[in-house]
């Protein structure tokens, strides 16, 4: 059986060596991926993303450094997964801000924007529907946390004012994002 050092050297030009390393290190990728949670995906998505990190590690590993390949690969896999999670969280925040920009959480005076009485009535009905759905979907606690968050308060400020832990604030906002994404999906159907 070929040694890891030889495989890493061959991997620069030989796809067989790359495949062998990918297969050999897939259990490590799976182990690391299990530490993470992806709202919009599952463990297979995380493993696939981790395999991309492993592939990058194979292509960029420099054996003249002191670190072992396993250590370097672990770092690359972890960074790839964390990047995916950050990207997903950014998209969730953008979706939440889209809701705000669409004035779902604000009491509107839509009459100034809409001159057509029929369009005004439809807009008011839509806003009433969305407002009712939010009240049905979110708990009082989640609404309280969301209002403070939308005012620009930090997690620490919210935690102090509501007398809960910072983690409780984070969990509440995560639930809000999930629930509102389902509402948006229903509206956009």
N, C-alpha and C. Protein backbone atom coordinates (compact mmCIF):
# COMPACT_ATOMS: atom_id res chain seq x y z
N UNK A 1 0.83 -1.18 0.00
CA UNK A 1 0.00 0.00 0.00
C UNK A 1 0.88 1.25 0.00
N UNK A 2 0.45 2.22 -0.80
CA UNK A 2 1.23 3.43 -0.96
C UNK A 2 1.16 4.29 0.30
N UNK A 3 2.26 4.89 0.66
CA UNK A 3 2.32 5.76 1.83
C UNK A 3 1.63 7.08 1.54
N UNK A 4 1.17 7.72 2.59
CA UNK A 4 0.45 8.98 2.47
C UNK A 4 1.31 10.06 1.80
N UNK A 5 2.59 10.14 2.16
CA UNK A 5 3.48 11.15 1.58
C UNK A 5 3.58 10.97 0.07
N UNK A 6 3.69 9.72 -0.36
CA UNK A 6 3.77 9.44 -1.79
C UNK A 6 2.47 9.82 -2.49
N UNK A 7 1.35 9.49 -1.87
CA UNK A 7 0.04 9.83 -2.44
C UNK A 7 -0.11 11.34 -2.59
N UNK A 8 0.33 12.08 -1.58
CA UNK A 8 0.21 13.54 -1.63
C UNK A 8 1.06 14.12 -2.75
N UNK A 9 2.24 13.58 -2.97
CA UNK A 9 3.08 14.05 -4.08
C UNK A 9 2.44 13.70 -5.42
N UNK A 10 1.94 12.47 -5.53
CA UNK A 10 1.29 12.04 -6.78
C UNK A 10 0.00 12.80 -7.06
N UNK A 11 -0.67 13.23 -6.01
CA UNK A 11 -1.96 13.90 -6.16
C UNK A 11 -1.86 15.20 -6.96
N UNK A 12 -0.69 15.77 -7.03
CA UNK A 12 -0.51 17.00 -7.81
C UNK A 12 -0.74 16.75 -9.30
N UNK A 13 -0.54 15.51 -9.74
CA UNK A 13 -0.69 15.21 -11.18
C UNK A 13 -1.54 13.98 -11.47
N UNK A 14 -1.88 13.21 -10.45
CA UNK A 14 -2.57 11.94 -10.67
C UNK A 14 -3.93 11.92 -9.96
N UNK A 15 -4.99 11.81 -10.74
CA UNK A 15 -6.35 11.78 -10.18
C UNK A 15 -6.59 10.53 -9.32
N UNK A 16 -5.95 9.43 -9.64
CA UNK A 16 -6.09 8.21 -8.84
C UNK A 16 -5.63 8.45 -7.41
N UNK A 17 -4.51 9.17 -7.26
CA UNK A 17 -3.99 9.47 -5.92
C UNK A 17 -4.94 10.39 -5.17
N UNK A 18 -5.53 11.34 -5.89
CA UNK A 18 -6.51 12.24 -5.27
C UNK A 18 -7.71 11.43 -4.76
N UNK A 19 -8.23 10.56 -5.62
CA UNK A 19 -9.38 9.73 -5.24
C UNK A 19 -9.06 8.85 -4.03
N UNK A 20 -7.86 8.30 -4.01
CA UNK A 20 -7.46 7.44 -2.89
C UNK A 20 -7.42 8.25 -1.59
N UNK A 21 -6.90 9.46 -1.64
CA UNK A 21 -6.85 10.31 -0.44
C UNK A 21 -8.25 10.74 -0.02
N UNK A 22 -9.09 11.07 -0.99
CA UNK A 22 -10.47 11.45 -0.66
C UNK A 22 -11.19 10.29 0.03
N UNK A 23 -11.01 9.10 -0.47
CA UNK A 23 -11.64 7.92 0.13
C UNK A 23 -11.07 7.64 1.52
N UNK A 24 -9.77 7.75 1.64
CA UNK A 24 -9.08 7.48 2.91
C UNK A 24 -9.51 8.46 4.00
N UNK A 25 -9.76 9.71 3.64
CA UNK A 25 -10.08 10.73 4.64
C UNK A 25 -11.57 11.05 4.77
N UNK A 26 -12.41 10.36 4.03
CA UNK A 26 -13.85 10.63 4.13
C UNK A 26 -14.38 10.41 5.55
N UNK A 27 -13.94 9.38 6.28
CA UNK A 27 -14.42 9.24 7.67
C UNK A 27 -14.08 10.46 8.54
N UNK A 28 -12.94 11.08 8.32
CA UNK A 28 -12.58 12.29 9.05
C UNK A 28 -13.55 13.43 8.68
N UNK A 29 -13.85 13.56 7.39
CA UNK A 29 -14.79 14.59 6.94
C UNK A 29 -16.14 14.38 7.59
N UNK A 30 -16.61 13.15 7.61
CA UNK A 30 -17.91 12.83 8.21
C UNK A 30 -17.92 13.16 9.70
N UNK A 31 -16.84 12.81 10.37
CA UNK A 31 -16.74 13.08 11.81
C UNK A 31 -16.80 14.58 12.09
N UNK A 32 -16.10 15.37 11.29
CA UNK A 32 -16.10 16.82 11.48
C UNK A 32 -17.47 17.40 11.11
N UNK A 33 -18.05 16.92 10.02
CA UNK A 33 -19.35 17.44 9.55
C UNK A 33 -20.45 17.22 10.57
N UNK A 34 -20.37 16.15 11.34
CA UNK A 34 -21.40 15.86 12.34
C UNK A 34 -21.45 16.89 13.47
N UNK A 35 -20.42 17.71 13.58
CA UNK A 35 -20.39 18.75 14.61
C UNK A 35 -21.24 19.97 14.23
N UNK A 36 -21.67 20.02 12.97
CA UNK A 36 -22.36 21.21 12.47
C UNK A 36 -23.80 20.89 12.10
N UNK A 37 -24.59 21.96 12.01
CA UNK A 37 -25.99 21.83 11.63
C UNK A 37 -26.28 22.83 10.54
N UNK A 38 -26.95 22.37 9.50
CA UNK A 38 -27.31 23.21 8.36
C UNK A 38 -28.82 23.22 8.25
N UNK A 39 -29.43 24.39 8.47
CA UNK A 39 -30.89 24.49 8.47
C UNK A 39 -31.45 24.07 7.12
N UNK A 40 -30.82 24.53 6.05
CA UNK A 40 -31.37 24.28 4.72
C UNK A 40 -30.84 22.99 4.08
N UNK A 41 -30.18 22.15 4.85
CA UNK A 41 -29.63 20.93 4.28
C UNK A 41 -29.57 19.82 5.30
N UNK A 42 -28.80 18.80 4.97
CA UNK A 42 -28.66 17.68 5.90
C UNK A 42 -27.19 17.29 6.00
N UNK A 43 -26.92 16.19 6.66
CA UNK A 43 -25.54 15.77 6.90
C UNK A 43 -24.81 15.48 5.58
N UNK A 44 -25.53 14.98 4.58
CA UNK A 44 -24.88 14.71 3.29
C UNK A 44 -24.36 15.99 2.65
N UNK A 45 -25.11 17.08 2.80
CA UNK A 45 -24.66 18.37 2.27
C UNK A 45 -23.40 18.84 2.99
N UNK A 46 -23.38 18.63 4.29
CA UNK A 46 -22.21 19.02 5.07
C UNK A 46 -20.99 18.17 4.70
N UNK A 47 -21.21 16.88 4.53
CA UNK A 47 -20.11 15.99 4.15
C UNK A 47 -19.57 16.40 2.78
N UNK A 48 -20.47 16.69 1.85
CA UNK A 48 -20.05 17.10 0.51
C UNK A 48 -19.21 18.39 0.59
N UNK A 49 -19.66 19.34 1.39
CA UNK A 49 -18.90 20.58 1.56
C UNK A 49 -17.56 20.29 2.22
N UNK A 50 -17.55 19.38 3.19
CA UNK A 50 -16.29 18.99 3.84
C UNK A 50 -15.33 18.33 2.87
N UNK A 51 -15.87 17.56 1.94
CA UNK A 51 -15.03 16.92 0.91
C UNK A 51 -14.38 17.97 0.01
N UNK A 52 -15.07 19.08 -0.22
CA UNK A 52 -14.47 20.18 -0.98
C UNK A 52 -13.29 20.74 -0.20
N UNK A 53 -13.47 20.89 1.10
CA UNK A 53 -12.37 21.35 1.95
C UNK A 53 -11.19 20.38 1.91
N UNK A 54 -11.50 19.09 1.94
CA UNK A 54 -10.45 18.06 1.86
C UNK A 54 -9.72 18.14 0.51
N UNK A 55 -10.48 18.31 -0.55
CA UNK A 55 -9.89 18.42 -1.89
C UNK A 55 -8.93 19.62 -1.96
N UNK A 56 -9.37 20.73 -1.37
CA UNK A 56 -8.50 21.92 -1.33
C UNK A 56 -7.24 21.63 -0.53
N UNK A 57 -7.40 20.88 0.57
CA UNK A 57 -6.23 20.53 1.39
C UNK A 57 -5.25 19.69 0.59
N UNK A 58 -5.77 18.73 -0.16
CA UNK A 58 -4.89 17.87 -0.97
C UNK A 58 -4.13 18.71 -1.99
N UNK A 59 -4.80 19.66 -2.60
CA UNK A 59 -4.17 20.48 -3.64
C UNK A 59 -3.20 21.52 -3.10
N UNK A 60 -3.37 21.93 -1.86
CA UNK A 60 -2.53 23.02 -1.35
C UNK A 60 -1.55 22.59 -0.25
N UNK A 61 -1.57 21.32 0.13
CA UNK A 61 -0.69 20.87 1.21
C UNK A 61 0.77 21.03 0.81
N UNK A 62 1.55 21.57 1.75
CA UNK A 62 2.97 21.77 1.55
C UNK A 62 3.69 20.91 2.59
N UNK A 63 4.33 19.84 2.14
CA UNK A 63 4.95 18.92 3.08
C UNK A 63 6.23 19.47 3.71
N UNK A 64 6.67 20.63 3.26
CA UNK A 64 7.86 21.22 3.89
C UNK A 64 7.51 21.93 5.21
N UNK A 65 6.23 22.09 5.48
CA UNK A 65 5.80 22.70 6.74
C UNK A 65 5.82 21.64 7.84
N UNK A 66 5.69 22.08 9.08
CA UNK A 66 5.78 21.17 10.22
C UNK A 66 4.50 20.37 10.45
N UNK A 67 3.37 20.87 9.99
CA UNK A 67 2.08 20.22 10.27
C UNK A 67 1.92 18.94 9.45
N UNK A 68 1.24 17.98 10.05
CA UNK A 68 0.93 16.75 9.31
C UNK A 68 -0.22 17.03 8.36
N UNK A 69 -0.41 16.17 7.39
CA UNK A 69 -1.51 16.36 6.45
C UNK A 69 -2.85 16.27 7.16
N UNK A 70 -2.96 15.36 8.10
CA UNK A 70 -4.24 15.20 8.81
C UNK A 70 -4.61 16.49 9.54
N UNK A 71 -3.65 17.12 10.17
CA UNK A 71 -3.90 18.38 10.87
C UNK A 71 -4.31 19.46 9.89
N UNK A 72 -3.61 19.55 8.77
CA UNK A 72 -3.91 20.54 7.75
C UNK A 72 -5.29 20.28 7.13
N UNK A 73 -5.58 19.02 6.84
CA UNK A 73 -6.87 18.66 6.26
C UNK A 73 -8.01 18.99 7.23
N UNK A 74 -7.81 18.69 8.50
CA UNK A 74 -8.83 19.00 9.51
C UNK A 74 -9.13 20.50 9.52
N UNK A 75 -8.10 21.31 9.45
CA UNK A 75 -8.27 22.76 9.42
C UNK A 75 -9.02 23.20 8.16
N UNK A 76 -8.63 22.67 7.01
CA UNK A 76 -9.29 23.05 5.74
C UNK A 76 -10.76 22.61 5.72
N UNK A 77 -11.03 21.43 6.19
CA UNK A 77 -12.41 20.91 6.23
C UNK A 77 -13.26 21.78 7.17
N UNK A 78 -12.73 22.05 8.35
CA UNK A 78 -13.44 22.87 9.33
C UNK A 78 -13.73 24.26 8.78
N UNK A 79 -12.75 24.87 8.16
CA UNK A 79 -12.95 26.22 7.59
C UNK A 79 -13.99 26.21 6.47
N UNK A 80 -13.97 25.18 5.65
CA UNK A 80 -14.94 25.08 4.56
C UNK A 80 -16.36 24.97 5.12
N UNK A 81 -16.53 24.16 6.14
CA UNK A 81 -17.85 24.00 6.76
C UNK A 81 -18.29 25.28 7.46
N UNK A 82 -17.39 25.92 8.17
CA UNK A 82 -17.73 27.16 8.85
C UNK A 82 -18.09 28.26 7.86
N UNK A 83 -17.42 28.27 6.73
CA UNK A 83 -17.74 29.23 5.69
C UNK A 83 -19.15 29.01 5.15
N UNK A 84 -19.52 27.75 4.96
CA UNK A 84 -20.87 27.42 4.50
C UNK A 84 -21.91 27.88 5.52
N UNK A 85 -21.65 27.62 6.79
CA UNK A 85 -22.59 28.00 7.85
C UNK A 85 -22.73 29.53 7.89
N UNK A 86 -21.59 30.24 7.81
CA UNK A 86 -21.66 31.71 7.79
C UNK A 86 -22.46 32.21 6.60
N UNK A 87 -22.23 31.61 5.45
CA UNK A 87 -22.96 32.01 4.24
C UNK A 87 -24.46 31.78 4.43
N UNK A 88 -24.83 30.64 4.98
CA UNK A 88 -26.25 30.35 5.21
C UNK A 88 -26.84 31.35 6.19
N UNK A 89 -26.12 31.66 7.26
CA UNK A 89 -26.62 32.61 8.24
C UNK A 89 -26.77 34.00 7.64
N UNK A 90 -25.83 34.39 6.77
CA UNK A 90 -25.94 35.67 6.09
C UNK A 90 -27.18 35.70 5.21
N UNK A 91 -27.45 34.61 4.50
CA UNK A 91 -28.64 34.56 3.66
C UNK A 91 -29.91 34.63 4.50
N UNK A 92 -29.91 33.98 5.66
CA UNK A 92 -31.07 34.06 6.55
C UNK A 92 -31.27 35.49 7.02
N UNK A 93 -30.17 36.17 7.38
CA UNK A 93 -30.28 37.55 7.83
C UNK A 93 -30.76 38.45 6.71
N UNK A 94 -30.29 38.20 5.48
CA UNK A 94 -30.76 38.99 4.35
C UNK A 94 -32.25 38.80 4.14
N UNK A 95 -32.71 37.56 4.30
CA UNK A 95 -34.13 37.29 4.14
C UNK A 95 -34.92 38.04 5.21
N UNK A 96 -34.41 38.06 6.42
CA UNK A 96 -35.09 38.77 7.50
C UNK A 96 -35.12 40.27 7.19
N UNK A 97 -34.01 40.80 6.70
CA UNK A 97 -33.98 42.22 6.36
C UNK A 97 -34.87 42.52 5.17
N UNK A 98 -35.02 41.57 4.24
CA UNK A 98 -35.97 41.76 3.14
C UNK A 98 -37.38 41.92 3.69
N UNK A 99 -37.70 41.12 4.71
CA UNK A 99 -39.01 41.26 5.33
C UNK A 99 -39.18 42.66 5.92
N UNK A 100 -38.13 43.13 6.56
CA UNK A 100 -38.20 44.45 7.16
C UNK A 100 -38.33 45.51 6.07
N UNK A 101 -37.52 45.40 5.01
CA UNK A 101 -37.58 46.36 3.92
C UNK A 101 -38.96 46.38 3.27
N UNK A 102 -39.62 45.24 3.27
CA UNK A 102 -40.97 45.18 2.70
C UNK A 102 -42.01 45.66 3.70
N UNK A 103 -41.54 46.16 4.85
CA UNK A 103 -42.38 46.78 5.86
C UNK A 103 -43.39 45.82 6.47
N UNK A 104 -43.06 44.56 6.55
CA UNK A 104 -43.96 43.60 7.16
C UNK A 104 -44.10 43.87 8.65
N UNK A 105 -43.03 44.32 9.29
CA UNK A 105 -43.06 44.50 10.73
C UNK A 105 -43.39 45.93 11.15
N UNK A 106 -43.71 46.74 10.19
CA UNK A 106 -43.99 48.13 10.52
C UNK A 106 -45.45 48.43 10.27
N UNK A 107 -46.01 49.31 11.06
CA UNK A 107 -47.37 49.77 10.79
C UNK A 107 -47.27 50.77 9.65
N UNK A 108 -47.93 50.43 8.56
CA UNK A 108 -47.79 51.23 7.35
C UNK A 108 -48.90 52.26 7.22
N UNK A 109 -48.55 53.31 6.54
CA UNK A 109 -49.58 54.19 6.00
C UNK A 109 -49.49 54.00 4.49
N UNK A 110 -50.03 52.87 4.00
CA UNK A 110 -49.89 52.54 2.59
C UNK A 110 -50.70 53.45 1.70
N UNK A 111 -51.63 54.22 2.25
CA UNK A 111 -52.46 55.11 1.43
C UNK A 111 -51.59 56.12 0.70
N UNK A 112 -50.50 56.54 1.30
CA UNK A 112 -49.65 57.52 0.64
C UNK A 112 -48.90 56.93 -0.55
N UNK A 113 -48.69 55.62 -0.54
CA UNK A 113 -47.95 54.97 -1.61
C UNK A 113 -48.85 54.44 -2.72
N UNK A 114 -50.09 54.15 -2.39
CA UNK A 114 -50.98 53.49 -3.35
C UNK A 114 -52.20 54.39 -3.60
N UNK A 115 -52.35 54.80 -4.83
CA UNK A 115 -53.47 55.68 -5.16
C UNK A 115 -54.72 54.91 -5.54
N UNK A 116 -54.58 53.73 -6.10
CA UNK A 116 -55.70 52.92 -6.53
C UNK A 116 -56.39 52.30 -5.31
N UNK A 117 -57.67 52.59 -5.07
CA UNK A 117 -58.36 52.06 -3.89
C UNK A 117 -58.39 50.53 -3.85
N UNK A 118 -58.49 49.88 -5.00
CA UNK A 118 -58.50 48.42 -5.04
C UNK A 118 -57.14 47.87 -4.61
N UNK A 119 -56.07 48.46 -5.15
CA UNK A 119 -54.72 48.02 -4.78
C UNK A 119 -54.45 48.28 -3.31
N UNK A 120 -54.98 49.40 -2.80
CA UNK A 120 -54.83 49.71 -1.38
C UNK A 120 -55.52 48.66 -0.52
N UNK A 121 -56.74 48.27 -0.89
CA UNK A 121 -57.48 47.25 -0.14
C UNK A 121 -56.74 45.92 -0.15
N UNK A 122 -56.23 45.53 -1.30
CA UNK A 122 -55.49 44.26 -1.42
C UNK A 122 -54.22 44.33 -0.58
N UNK A 123 -53.52 45.45 -0.64
CA UNK A 123 -52.30 45.60 0.13
C UNK A 123 -52.59 45.51 1.63
N UNK A 124 -53.67 46.18 2.06
CA UNK A 124 -54.04 46.12 3.47
C UNK A 124 -54.41 44.70 3.89
N UNK A 125 -55.11 43.97 3.03
CA UNK A 125 -55.47 42.58 3.33
C UNK A 125 -54.21 41.72 3.45
N UNK A 126 -53.28 41.92 2.53
CA UNK A 126 -52.03 41.16 2.56
C UNK A 126 -51.25 41.45 3.84
N UNK A 127 -51.18 42.72 4.22
CA UNK A 127 -50.46 43.08 5.44
C UNK A 127 -51.14 42.48 6.67
N UNK A 128 -52.46 42.53 6.67
CA UNK A 128 -53.21 41.95 7.79
C UNK A 128 -52.97 40.44 7.88
N UNK A 129 -52.96 39.77 6.72
CA UNK A 129 -52.71 38.33 6.68
C UNK A 129 -51.31 38.02 7.23
N UNK A 130 -50.33 38.75 6.75
CA UNK A 130 -48.95 38.51 7.18
C UNK A 130 -48.82 38.78 8.68
N UNK A 131 -49.41 39.88 9.14
CA UNK A 131 -49.35 40.22 10.57
C UNK A 131 -49.99 39.11 11.40
N UNK A 132 -51.14 38.61 10.98
CA UNK A 132 -51.82 37.52 11.70
C UNK A 132 -50.99 36.24 11.69
N UNK A 133 -50.38 35.93 10.55
CA UNK A 133 -49.55 34.72 10.45
C UNK A 133 -48.35 34.81 11.38
N UNK A 134 -47.74 35.99 11.45
CA UNK A 134 -46.59 36.16 12.33
C UNK A 134 -47.01 35.96 13.78
N UNK A 135 -48.16 36.52 14.15
CA UNK A 135 -48.65 36.36 15.52
C UNK A 135 -48.97 34.90 15.84
N UNK A 136 -49.43 34.16 14.82
CA UNK A 136 -49.71 32.74 15.02
C UNK A 136 -48.43 31.92 15.11
N UNK A 137 -47.46 32.26 14.28
CA UNK A 137 -46.23 31.47 14.18
C UNK A 137 -45.26 31.71 15.35
N UNK A 138 -45.17 32.96 15.78
CA UNK A 138 -44.17 33.30 16.79
C UNK A 138 -44.78 33.36 18.19
N UNK A 139 -44.01 32.92 19.14
CA UNK A 139 -44.43 33.04 20.54
C UNK A 139 -44.27 34.49 20.98
N UNK A 140 -44.88 34.85 22.11
CA UNK A 140 -44.74 36.21 22.65
C UNK A 140 -43.27 36.53 22.90
N UNK A 141 -42.56 35.53 23.42
CA UNK A 141 -41.14 35.71 23.69
C UNK A 141 -40.37 35.99 22.39
N UNK A 142 -40.65 35.21 21.35
CA UNK A 142 -39.96 35.40 20.07
C UNK A 142 -40.27 36.78 19.47
N UNK A 143 -41.52 37.22 19.58
CA UNK A 143 -41.89 38.54 19.08
C UNK A 143 -41.14 39.62 19.86
N UNK A 144 -41.07 39.46 21.17
CA UNK A 144 -40.37 40.42 22.02
C UNK A 144 -38.89 40.50 21.62
N UNK A 145 -38.27 39.36 21.45
CA UNK A 145 -36.85 39.30 21.07
C UNK A 145 -36.66 39.90 19.68
N UNK A 146 -37.53 39.54 18.75
CA UNK A 146 -37.43 40.03 17.38
C UNK A 146 -37.54 41.56 17.33
N UNK A 147 -38.49 42.13 18.05
CA UNK A 147 -38.65 43.59 18.05
C UNK A 147 -37.38 44.28 18.54
N UNK A 148 -36.78 43.74 19.59
CA UNK A 148 -35.55 44.33 20.12
C UNK A 148 -34.40 44.18 19.12
N UNK A 149 -34.34 43.01 18.48
CA UNK A 149 -33.30 42.76 17.48
C UNK A 149 -33.45 43.71 16.30
N UNK A 150 -34.68 43.92 15.86
CA UNK A 150 -34.93 44.79 14.72
C UNK A 150 -34.66 46.26 15.04
N UNK A 151 -34.69 46.60 16.31
CA UNK A 151 -34.34 47.97 16.72
C UNK A 151 -32.83 48.16 16.73
N UNK A 152 -32.09 47.07 16.52
CA UNK A 152 -30.64 47.16 16.45
C UNK A 152 -29.93 46.82 17.74
N UNK A 153 -30.67 46.28 18.71
CA UNK A 153 -30.04 45.91 19.97
C UNK A 153 -29.18 44.67 19.79
N UNK A 154 -28.08 44.62 20.51
CA UNK A 154 -27.18 43.47 20.45
C UNK A 154 -27.77 42.30 21.23
N UNK A 155 -27.23 41.12 21.02
CA UNK A 155 -27.67 39.94 21.76
C UNK A 155 -27.49 40.17 23.27
N UNK A 156 -26.37 40.80 23.64
CA UNK A 156 -26.11 41.06 25.06
C UNK A 156 -27.16 42.00 25.65
N UNK A 157 -27.48 43.08 24.91
CA UNK A 157 -28.49 44.02 25.39
C UNK A 157 -29.84 43.33 25.58
N UNK A 158 -30.21 42.54 24.58
CA UNK A 158 -31.50 41.85 24.63
C UNK A 158 -31.52 40.89 25.81
N UNK A 159 -30.44 40.16 25.99
CA UNK A 159 -30.35 39.20 27.10
C UNK A 159 -30.50 39.90 28.45
N UNK A 160 -29.84 41.03 28.62
CA UNK A 160 -29.93 41.77 29.88
C UNK A 160 -31.34 42.30 30.11
N UNK A 161 -31.96 42.87 29.07
CA UNK A 161 -33.29 43.45 29.22
C UNK A 161 -34.37 42.40 29.47
N UNK A 162 -34.22 41.24 28.85
CA UNK A 162 -35.24 40.20 28.99
C UNK A 162 -34.90 39.20 30.08
N UNK A 163 -33.74 39.37 30.70
CA UNK A 163 -33.30 38.51 31.79
C UNK A 163 -33.21 37.03 31.40
N UNK A 164 -32.66 36.81 30.21
CA UNK A 164 -32.39 35.45 29.73
C UNK A 164 -30.94 35.40 29.28
N UNK A 165 -30.46 34.22 28.97
CA UNK A 165 -29.07 34.08 28.52
C UNK A 165 -28.94 34.53 27.07
N UNK A 166 -27.72 34.86 26.70
CA UNK A 166 -27.42 35.24 25.31
C UNK A 166 -27.76 34.08 24.38
N UNK A 167 -27.54 32.86 24.82
CA UNK A 167 -27.86 31.67 24.03
C UNK A 167 -29.36 31.57 23.79
N UNK A 168 -30.18 31.93 24.79
CA UNK A 168 -31.64 31.91 24.61
C UNK A 168 -32.07 32.91 23.55
N UNK A 169 -31.41 34.06 23.52
CA UNK A 169 -31.69 35.07 22.50
C UNK A 169 -31.34 34.51 21.12
N UNK A 170 -30.16 33.93 21.03
CA UNK A 170 -29.71 33.33 19.77
C UNK A 170 -30.67 32.25 19.30
N UNK A 171 -31.07 31.37 20.20
CA UNK A 171 -32.00 30.30 19.85
C UNK A 171 -33.36 30.85 19.41
N UNK A 172 -33.85 31.87 20.10
CA UNK A 172 -35.14 32.47 19.74
C UNK A 172 -35.08 33.07 18.34
N UNK A 173 -33.99 33.77 18.03
CA UNK A 173 -33.86 34.37 16.70
C UNK A 173 -33.70 33.30 15.61
N UNK A 174 -33.04 32.20 15.95
CA UNK A 174 -32.92 31.10 14.99
C UNK A 174 -34.30 30.52 14.68
N UNK A 175 -35.12 30.35 15.72
CA UNK A 175 -36.49 29.85 15.51
C UNK A 175 -37.31 30.82 14.67
N UNK A 176 -37.15 32.11 14.95
CA UNK A 176 -37.87 33.14 14.20
C UNK A 176 -37.50 33.06 12.72
N UNK A 177 -36.22 32.94 12.45
CA UNK A 177 -35.76 32.87 11.04
C UNK A 177 -36.38 31.67 10.34
N UNK A 178 -36.38 30.55 11.00
CA UNK A 178 -36.94 29.34 10.39
C UNK A 178 -38.43 29.52 10.13
N UNK A 179 -39.14 29.99 11.14
CA UNK A 179 -40.59 30.16 11.00
C UNK A 179 -40.93 31.18 9.91
N UNK A 180 -40.18 32.28 9.86
CA UNK A 180 -40.47 33.31 8.85
C UNK A 180 -40.08 32.85 7.46
N UNK A 181 -39.05 32.01 7.35
CA UNK A 181 -38.70 31.50 6.03
C UNK A 181 -39.81 30.61 5.50
N UNK A 182 -40.46 29.84 6.37
CA UNK A 182 -41.61 29.02 5.96
C UNK A 182 -42.76 29.91 5.53
N UNK A 183 -42.99 30.99 6.26
CA UNK A 183 -44.04 31.93 5.90
C UNK A 183 -43.75 32.56 4.53
N UNK A 184 -42.52 32.96 4.32
CA UNK A 184 -42.16 33.54 3.02
C UNK A 184 -42.36 32.55 1.89
N UNK A 185 -41.97 31.31 2.13
CA UNK A 185 -42.17 30.27 1.11
C UNK A 185 -43.64 30.11 0.79
N UNK A 186 -44.49 30.12 1.82
CA UNK A 186 -45.94 29.99 1.59
C UNK A 186 -46.49 31.17 0.82
N UNK A 187 -46.02 32.37 1.13
CA UNK A 187 -46.50 33.58 0.46
C UNK A 187 -46.07 33.58 -1.00
N UNK A 188 -44.85 33.11 -1.25
CA UNK A 188 -44.31 33.15 -2.62
C UNK A 188 -44.83 32.04 -3.53
N UNK A 189 -45.63 31.12 -2.99
CA UNK A 189 -46.15 30.02 -3.80
C UNK A 189 -47.21 30.51 -4.75
